[in-house]
Amino acid sequence: MQITCPYCGAPAEATRNPFQGAGLAVHSSLLKCSGCDRVVLDVDPRQLQPQPPRRGLWARMRASIRRFFA
């Protein structure tokens, strides 16, 4: 599967976003176009799905104690 630029349709190169690991960026990869020299943020479909809220520490401890005594 060849990656193409969403603007001009030329071949694009997917690279890792250098700022993503430092907590400065949300997108994990960038698309560098060879035709129009644009850099586009590559949106991962998994990032668009809402994440369930994480339970707090006390709720997790309570659940583990209930499982232990059940």
Protein backbone atom coordinates (compact mmCIF):
# COMPACT_ATOMS: atom_id res chain seq x y z
CA MET A 1 0.00 0.00 0.00
CA GLN A 2 1.51 3.27 -1.10
CA ILE A 3 0.88 6.37 0.96
CA THR A 4 -0.19 9.42 -1.02
CA CYS A 5 -0.46 13.09 -0.16
CA PRO A 6 -4.04 14.18 0.65
CA TYR A 7 -3.46 17.49 -1.20
CA CYS A 8 -1.74 16.63 -4.47
CA GLY A 9 -1.81 12.80 -4.63
CA ALA A 10 1.97 12.45 -4.98
CA PRO A 11 3.82 9.70 -3.07
CA ALA A 12 4.41 10.59 0.58
CA GLU A 13 6.81 9.23 3.17
CA ALA A 14 5.54 8.39 6.67
CA THR A 15 7.97 9.31 9.45
CA ARG A 16 7.75 9.22 13.22
CA ASN A 17 6.87 12.52 14.88
CA PRO A 18 9.95 13.51 16.95
CA PHE A 19 7.84 15.53 19.40
CA GLN A 20 5.35 12.74 20.17
CA GLY A 21 7.51 10.87 22.69
CA ALA A 22 8.28 14.03 24.65
CA GLY A 23 4.61 14.71 25.30
CA LEU A 24 4.57 17.74 23.02
CA ALA A 25 2.43 16.25 20.23
CA VAL A 26 -0.65 14.07 19.92
CA HIS A 27 -0.02 12.63 16.46
CA SER A 28 2.44 9.76 16.29
CA SER A 29 3.48 10.12 12.65
CA LEU A 30 3.95 12.73 9.93
CA LEU A 31 3.52 12.49 6.16
CA LYS A 32 6.19 14.23 4.07
CA CYS A 33 5.04 14.81 0.50
CA SER A 34 7.57 14.55 -2.32
CA GLY A 35 5.41 16.53 -4.76
CA CYS A 36 4.25 19.64 -2.93
CA ASP A 37 6.77 19.55 -0.02
CA ARG A 38 4.04 19.69 2.62
CA VAL A 39 4.21 18.01 5.99
CA VAL A 40 0.84 16.66 7.12
CA LEU A 41 -0.10 15.20 10.50
CA ASP A 42 -1.12 11.59 10.01
CA VAL A 43 -4.28 10.86 11.98
CA ASP A 44 -4.37 7.36 13.45
CA PRO A 45 -7.97 6.01 13.58
CA ARG A 46 -7.31 4.62 17.07
CA GLN A 47 -6.69 8.16 18.33
CA LEU A 48 -10.15 9.24 17.17
CA GLN A 49 -11.95 6.64 19.30
CA PRO A 50 -12.82 7.93 22.77
CA GLN A 51 -11.00 6.16 25.58
CA PRO A 52 -13.02 4.96 28.57
CA PRO A 53 -12.35 6.93 31.75
CA ARG A 54 -9.85 5.29 34.04
CA ARG A 55 -11.09 4.32 37.46
CA GLY A 56 -9.45 5.86 40.49
CA LEU A 57 -7.06 4.12 42.85
CA TRP A 58 -9.65 3.44 45.57
CA ALA A 59 -12.14 1.98 43.11
CA ARG A 60 -9.49 -0.40 41.75
CA MET A 61 -8.40 -1.43 45.25
CA ARG A 62 -12.01 -2.01 46.31
CA ALA A 63 -12.61 -4.20 43.24
CA SER A 64 -9.50 -6.27 43.85
CA ILE A 65 -10.42 -6.82 47.53
CA ARG A 66 -13.94 -7.88 46.52
CA ARG A 67 -12.49 -10.35 44.00
CA PHE A 68 -10.12 -11.69 46.66
CA PHE A 69 -12.91 -12.39 49.17
CA ALA A 70 -15.47 -13.61 46.60
